[in-house]
Amino acid sequence: MATNIEIKAIVRDAERFRAAARKVSDSDETIMEQEDVFFDSPGGRLKLRLLSPSSGQLIYYERPDNAGPRPSDYFLFETPRPDSLLEVLGKALAVRGRVKKTRSLYMSGAARIHLDEVEGLGTFAEIEVVLVPGQSAQEGASIADHLMKKLGIQRGDLVAGAYIDLLEARREGTG
């Protein structure tokens, strides 16, 4: 499994965040439309990310549902036939729900910075620090903390869980 350290946070001013992300980024902004289909999974989370008719990613990940910088262990499988894989998985497993978002991606070293406009939820930031072999979770958390400061992310804006959890809580009236 690969591991990254990540945070998710509410963004109150998207343009201010976008400007800060551009300053810390060493690449151009990439904008993507993504739809994540989540499946019931006995452990961790399983989702199929639909990127285009000829591109998708099956992602299984395990991570604690706390709001701080947290480790996420994951497997990623690329597929050129996401619709066929969705059909098979939909027959074998129950679909938990779907998350649609427009994602702006910025790279800063080994960190991916996302600005997500999530349908039905609002605007969020994610930082994912990809750990290299031998790099500790503590080092990754330190990088995430440093980027949080540069991006203006406050601890009180951190969010636990995944977008699917937030959508379910909103539907149930608990979020």
C-alpha atoms as a PDB file:
ATOM      1  CA  MET A   1       0.000   0.000   0.000  1.00  0.00           C
ATOM      2  CA  ALA A   2       1.080   3.562  -0.644  1.00  0.00           C
ATOM      3  CA  THR A   3       0.645   6.119   2.133  1.00  0.00           C
ATOM      4  CA  ASN A   4      -0.032   9.807   2.220  1.00  0.00           C
ATOM      5  CA  ILE A   5      -0.753  12.282   4.992  1.00  0.00           C
ATOM      6  CA  GLU A   6      -3.828  14.330   4.316  1.00  0.00           C
ATOM      7  CA  ILE A   7      -6.168  16.988   5.561  1.00  0.00           C
ATOM      8  CA  LYS A   8      -9.560  18.193   4.385  1.00  0.00           C
ATOM      9  CA  ALA A   9     -10.895  21.644   5.288  1.00  0.00           C
ATOM     10  CA  ILE A  10     -13.800  23.950   4.572  1.00  0.00           C
ATOM     11  CA  VAL A  11     -12.828  26.855   2.300  1.00  0.00           C
ATOM     12  CA  ARG A  12     -14.607  30.110   3.068  1.00  0.00           C
ATOM     13  CA  ASP A  13     -12.970  32.213   0.319  1.00  0.00           C
ATOM     14  CA  ALA A  14     -12.164  30.177  -2.807  1.00  0.00           C
ATOM     15  CA  GLU A  15     -10.384  32.971  -4.672  1.00  0.00           C
ATOM     16  CA  ARG A  16      -8.105  33.752  -1.721  1.00  0.00           C
ATOM     17  CA  PHE A  17      -7.288  30.038  -1.400  1.00  0.00           C
ATOM     18  CA  ARG A  18      -6.677  29.723  -5.155  1.00  0.00           C
ATOM     19  CA  ALA A  19      -4.249  32.668  -5.058  1.00  0.00           C
ATOM     20  CA  ALA A  20      -2.366  31.157  -2.094  1.00  0.00           C
ATOM     21  CA  ALA A  21      -2.234  27.743  -3.819  1.00  0.00           C
ATOM     22  CA  ARG A  22      -0.766  29.302  -6.941  1.00  0.00           C
ATOM     23  CA  LYS A  23       1.965  30.935  -4.839  1.00  0.00           C
ATOM     24  CA  VAL A  24       3.101  27.650  -3.243  1.00  0.00           C
ATOM     25  CA  SER A  25       2.650  25.547  -6.378  1.00  0.00           C
ATOM     26  CA  ASP A  26       5.492  24.519  -8.638  1.00  0.00           C
ATOM     27  CA  SER A  27       3.115  23.573 -11.473  1.00  0.00           C
ATOM     28  CA  ASP A  28       0.219  25.055 -13.383  1.00  0.00           C
ATOM     29  CA  GLU A  29      -3.302  24.584 -12.071  1.00  0.00           C
ATOM     30  CA  THR A  30      -5.097  21.532 -13.512  1.00  0.00           C
ATOM     31  CA  ILE A  31      -8.904  21.524 -13.467  1.00  0.00           C
ATOM     32  CA  MET A  32     -10.761  18.201 -13.567  1.00  0.00           C
ATOM     33  CA  GLU A  33     -14.349  17.034 -13.406  1.00  0.00           C
ATOM     34  CA  GLN A  34     -14.577  13.939 -11.216  1.00  0.00           C
ATOM     35  CA  GLU A  35     -17.329  11.627 -10.084  1.00  0.00           C
ATOM     36  CA  ASP A  36     -16.582   9.160  -7.300  1.00  0.00           C
ATOM     37  CA  VAL A  37     -18.890   6.169  -6.915  1.00  0.00           C
ATOM     38  CA  PHE A  38     -18.545   4.703  -3.409  1.00  0.00           C
ATOM     39  CA  PHE A  39     -19.305   1.062  -2.666  1.00  0.00           C
ATOM     40  CA  ASP A  40     -20.111  -0.651   0.599  1.00  0.00           C
ATOM     41  CA  SER A  41     -16.863  -2.129   1.869  1.00  0.00           C
ATOM     42  CA  PRO A  42     -16.358  -4.214   5.020  1.00  0.00           C
ATOM     43  CA  GLY A  43     -13.143  -2.336   5.838  1.00  0.00           C
ATOM     44  CA  GLY A  44     -11.876   1.003   4.611  1.00  0.00           C
ATOM     45  CA  ARG A  45     -13.452   2.754   1.649  1.00  0.00           C
ATOM     46  CA  LEU A  46     -13.772   1.639  -1.970  1.00  0.00           C
ATOM     47  CA  LYS A  47     -14.554   4.076  -4.768  1.00  0.00           C
ATOM     48  CA  LEU A  48     -14.408   4.187  -8.525  1.00  0.00           C
ATOM     49  CA  ARG A  49     -13.299   7.601  -9.762  1.00  0.00           C
ATOM     50  CA  LEU A  50     -14.772   8.373 -13.168  1.00  0.00           C
ATOM     51  CA  LEU A  51     -12.482  10.799 -15.004  1.00  0.00           C
ATOM     52  CA  SER A  52     -13.659  10.313 -18.608  1.00  0.00           C
ATOM     53  CA  PRO A  53     -15.253   7.552 -20.710  1.00  0.00           C
ATOM     54  CA  SER A  54     -11.762   6.085 -21.221  1.00  0.00           C
ATOM     55  CA  SER A  55     -10.175   6.795 -17.843  1.00  0.00           C
ATOM     56  CA  GLY A  56     -10.981   5.793 -14.293  1.00  0.00           C
ATOM     57  CA  GLN A  57      -9.328   4.817 -11.030  1.00  0.00           C
ATOM     58  CA  LEU A  58     -10.448   2.175  -8.575  1.00  0.00           C
ATOM     59  CA  ILE A  59      -9.241   3.354  -5.169  1.00  0.00           C
ATOM     60  CA  TYR A  60      -9.329   1.449  -1.902  1.00  0.00           C
ATOM     61  CA  TYR A  61      -8.151   3.338   1.175  1.00  0.00           C
ATOM     62  CA  GLU A  62      -7.985   3.082   4.927  1.00  0.00           C
ATOM     63  CA  ARG A  63      -7.627   6.107   7.181  1.00  0.00           C
ATOM     64  CA  PRO A  64      -8.901   7.344  10.530  1.00  0.00           C
ATOM     65  CA  ASP A  65     -11.853   9.709  10.489  1.00  0.00           C
ATOM     66  CA  ASN A  66     -10.237  12.484  12.503  1.00  0.00           C
ATOM     67  CA  ALA A  67      -9.874  16.094  11.429  1.00  0.00           C
ATOM     68  CA  GLY A  68      -6.111  16.522  11.781  1.00  0.00           C
ATOM     69  CA  PRO A  69      -3.327  15.566   9.429  1.00  0.00           C
ATOM     70  CA  ARG A  70      -3.957  11.842   9.154  1.00  0.00           C
ATOM     71  CA  PRO A  71      -2.325   8.910   7.384  1.00  0.00           C
ATOM     72  CA  SER A  72      -4.184   7.330   4.491  1.00  0.00           C
ATOM     73  CA  ASP A  73      -3.056   3.945   3.152  1.00  0.00           C
ATOM     74  CA  TYR A  74      -4.309   3.272  -0.359  1.00  0.00           C
ATOM     75  CA  PHE A  75      -4.253   1.073  -3.447  1.00  0.00           C
ATOM     76  CA  LEU A  76      -4.946   2.627  -6.838  1.00  0.00           C
ATOM     77  CA  PHE A  77      -5.858   0.736 -10.014  1.00  0.00           C
ATOM     78  CA  GLU A  78      -6.088   2.606 -13.346  1.00  0.00           C
ATOM     79  CA  THR A  79      -8.678   1.448 -15.875  1.00  0.00           C
ATOM     80  CA  PRO A  80      -9.383   2.476 -19.478  1.00  0.00           C
ATOM     81  CA  ARG A  81     -12.925   1.051 -19.119  1.00  0.00           C
ATOM     82  CA  PRO A  82     -14.493   2.687 -16.061  1.00  0.00           C
ATOM     83  CA  ASP A  83     -18.084   2.120 -17.229  1.00  0.00           C
ATOM     84  CA  SER A  84     -17.517  -1.649 -17.528  1.00  0.00           C
ATOM     85  CA  LEU A  85     -15.829  -1.767 -14.122  1.00  0.00           C
ATOM     86  CA  LEU A  86     -18.713   0.246 -12.628  1.00  0.00           C
ATOM     87  CA  GLU A  87     -21.201  -2.252 -14.062  1.00  0.00           C
ATOM     88  CA  VAL A  88     -19.334  -5.230 -12.561  1.00  0.00           C
ATOM     89  CA  LEU A  89     -18.805  -3.592  -9.169  1.00  0.00           C
ATOM     90  CA  GLY A  90     -22.423  -2.417  -9.097  1.00  0.00           C
ATOM     91  CA  LYS A  91     -23.608  -6.021  -9.532  1.00  0.00           C
ATOM     92  CA  ALA A  92     -21.211  -7.393  -6.901  1.00  0.00           C
ATOM     93  CA  LEU A  93     -21.390  -4.631  -4.282  1.00  0.00           C
ATOM     94  CA  ALA A  94     -23.993  -2.156  -3.086  1.00  0.00           C
ATOM     95  CA  VAL A  95     -23.443   1.420  -4.286  1.00  0.00           C
ATOM     96  CA  ARG A  96     -23.190   3.639  -1.212  1.00  0.00           C
ATOM     97  CA  GLY A  97     -23.434   6.923  -3.097  1.00  0.00           C
ATOM     98  CA  ARG A  98     -21.868   9.321  -5.575  1.00  0.00           C
ATOM     99  CA  VAL A  99     -19.781  12.442  -5.131  1.00  0.00           C
ATOM    100  CA  LYS A 100     -19.450  14.886  -8.034  1.00  0.00           C
ATOM    101  CA  LYS A 101     -16.848  17.612  -7.908  1.00  0.00           C
ATOM    102  CA  THR A 102     -14.784  20.056  -9.892  1.00  0.00           C
ATOM    103  CA  ARG A 103     -11.214  19.761  -8.656  1.00  0.00           C
ATOM    104  CA  SER A 104      -8.404  22.265  -9.129  1.00  0.00           C
ATOM    105  CA  LEU A 105      -5.039  20.561  -8.564  1.00  0.00           C
ATOM    106  CA  TYR A 106      -1.803  22.290  -7.578  1.00  0.00           C
ATOM    107  CA  MET A 107       1.486  20.486  -6.929  1.00  0.00           C
ATOM    108  CA  SER A 108       3.972  21.608  -4.295  1.00  0.00           C
ATOM    109  CA  GLY A 109       6.884  19.187  -4.094  1.00  0.00           C
ATOM    110  CA  ALA A 110       5.431  15.784  -3.118  1.00  0.00           C
ATOM    111  CA  ALA A 111       2.161  17.395  -2.006  1.00  0.00           C
ATOM    112  CA  ARG A 112      -1.046  17.586  -3.972  1.00  0.00           C
ATOM    113  CA  ILE A 113      -3.203  20.579  -3.101  1.00  0.00           C
ATOM    114  CA  HIS A 114      -6.844  20.382  -4.158  1.00  0.00           C
ATOM    115  CA  LEU A 115      -9.563  22.999  -4.271  1.00  0.00           C
ATOM    116  CA  ASP A 116     -12.810  21.041  -4.596  1.00  0.00           C
ATOM    117  CA  GLU A 117     -16.235  22.412  -5.514  1.00  0.00           C
ATOM    118  CA  VAL A 118     -18.380  19.513  -4.290  1.00  0.00           C
ATOM    119  CA  GLU A 119     -21.933  19.252  -5.590  1.00  0.00           C
ATOM    120  CA  GLY A 120     -24.382  19.514  -2.702  1.00  0.00           C
ATOM    121  CA  LEU A 121     -21.683  20.383  -0.117  1.00  0.00           C
ATOM    122  CA  GLY A 122     -19.660  23.450  -1.018  1.00  0.00           C
ATOM    123  CA  THR A 123     -15.973  24.292  -1.335  1.00  0.00           C
ATOM    124  CA  PHE A 124     -13.170  22.362   0.352  1.00  0.00           C
ATOM    125  CA  ALA A 125      -9.394  22.121   0.354  1.00  0.00           C
ATOM    126  CA  GLU A 126      -7.385  18.941   0.563  1.00  0.00           C
ATOM    127  CA  ILE A 127      -3.676  18.507   1.047  1.00  0.00           C
ATOM    128  CA  GLU A 128      -2.181  15.092   0.323  1.00  0.00           C
ATOM    129  CA  VAL A 129       1.504  14.652   1.142  1.00  0.00           C
ATOM    130  CA  VAL A 130       2.696  11.514  -0.638  1.00  0.00           C
ATOM    131  CA  LEU A 131       5.223   9.712   1.536  1.00  0.00           C
ATOM    132  CA  VAL A 132       8.292   8.233  -0.112  1.00  0.00           C
ATOM    133  CA  PRO A 133       9.800   4.977   1.213  1.00  0.00           C
ATOM    134  CA  GLY A 134      11.530   5.669   4.514  1.00  0.00           C
ATOM    135  CA  GLN A 135       9.721   8.951   5.126  1.00  0.00           C
ATOM    136  CA  SER A 136       7.820   9.016   8.422  1.00  0.00           C
ATOM    137  CA  ALA A 137       4.197  10.014   8.937  1.00  0.00           C
ATOM    138  CA  GLN A 138       5.512  12.708  11.290  1.00  0.00           C
ATOM    139  CA  GLU A 139       7.557  14.241   8.452  1.00  0.00           C
ATOM    140  CA  GLY A 140       4.489  14.181   6.210  1.00  0.00           C
ATOM    141  CA  ALA A 141       2.353  15.803   8.921  1.00  0.00           C
ATOM    142  CA  SER A 142       4.987  18.540   9.316  1.00  0.00           C
ATOM    143  CA  ILE A 143       4.819  19.264   5.564  1.00  0.00           C
ATOM    144  CA  ALA A 144       1.002  19.340   5.730  1.00  0.00           C
ATOM    145  CA  ASP A 145       1.104  21.733   8.704  1.00  0.00           C
ATOM    146  CA  HIS A 146       3.539  24.019   6.858  1.00  0.00           C
ATOM    147  CA  LEU A 147       1.274  24.089   3.771  1.00  0.00           C
ATOM    148  CA  MET A 148      -1.797  24.706   5.926  1.00  0.00           C
ATOM    149  CA  LYS A 149      -0.153  27.861   7.269  1.00  0.00           C
ATOM    150  CA  LYS A 150       0.853  29.058   3.796  1.00  0.00           C
ATOM    151  CA  LEU A 151      -2.659  28.395   2.466  1.00  0.00           C
ATOM    152  CA  GLY A 152      -4.414  30.051   5.401  1.00  0.00           C
ATOM    153  CA  ILE A 153      -6.146  26.869   6.595  1.00  0.00           C
ATOM    154  CA  GLN A 154      -7.173  27.123  10.253  1.00  0.00           C
ATOM    155  CA  ARG A 155      -7.413  24.061  12.522  1.00  0.00           C
ATOM    156  CA  GLY A 156     -11.058  24.920  13.178  1.00  0.00           C
ATOM    157  CA  ASP A 157     -11.822  24.491   9.463  1.00  0.00           C
ATOM    158  CA  LEU A 158     -10.520  20.892   9.326  1.00  0.00           C
ATOM    159  CA  VAL A 159     -13.098  18.231   8.502  1.00  0.00           C
ATOM    160  CA  ALA A 160     -13.191  14.565   9.513  1.00  0.00           C
ATOM    161  CA  GLY A 161     -14.373  11.816   7.176  1.00  0.00           C
ATOM    162  CA  ALA A 162     -14.876  11.755   3.425  1.00  0.00           C
ATOM    163  CA  TYR A 163     -17.184  13.752   1.155  1.00  0.00           C
ATOM    164  CA  ILE A 164     -19.548  10.770   1.008  1.00  0.00           C
ATOM    165  CA  ASP A 165     -19.854  10.885   4.825  1.00  0.00           C
ATOM    166  CA  LEU A 166     -20.636  14.609   4.725  1.00  0.00           C
ATOM    167  CA  LEU A 167     -23.256  14.112   2.018  1.00  0.00           C
ATOM    168  CA  GLU A 168     -24.900  11.287   3.968  1.00  0.00           C
ATOM    169  CA  ALA A 169     -24.933  13.384   7.150  1.00  0.00           C
ATOM    170  CA  ARG A 170     -26.526  16.272   5.236  1.00  0.00           C
ATOM    171  CA  ARG A 171     -29.213  13.967   3.798  1.00  0.00           C
ATOM    172  CA  GLU A 172     -29.901  12.584   7.281  1.00  0.00           C
ATOM    173  CA  GLY A 173     -30.024  16.089   8.740  1.00  0.00           C
ATOM    174  CA  THR A 174     -27.051  15.489  11.076  1.00  0.00           C
ATOM    175  CA  GLY A 175     -24.440  17.522   9.214  1.00  0.00           C
END
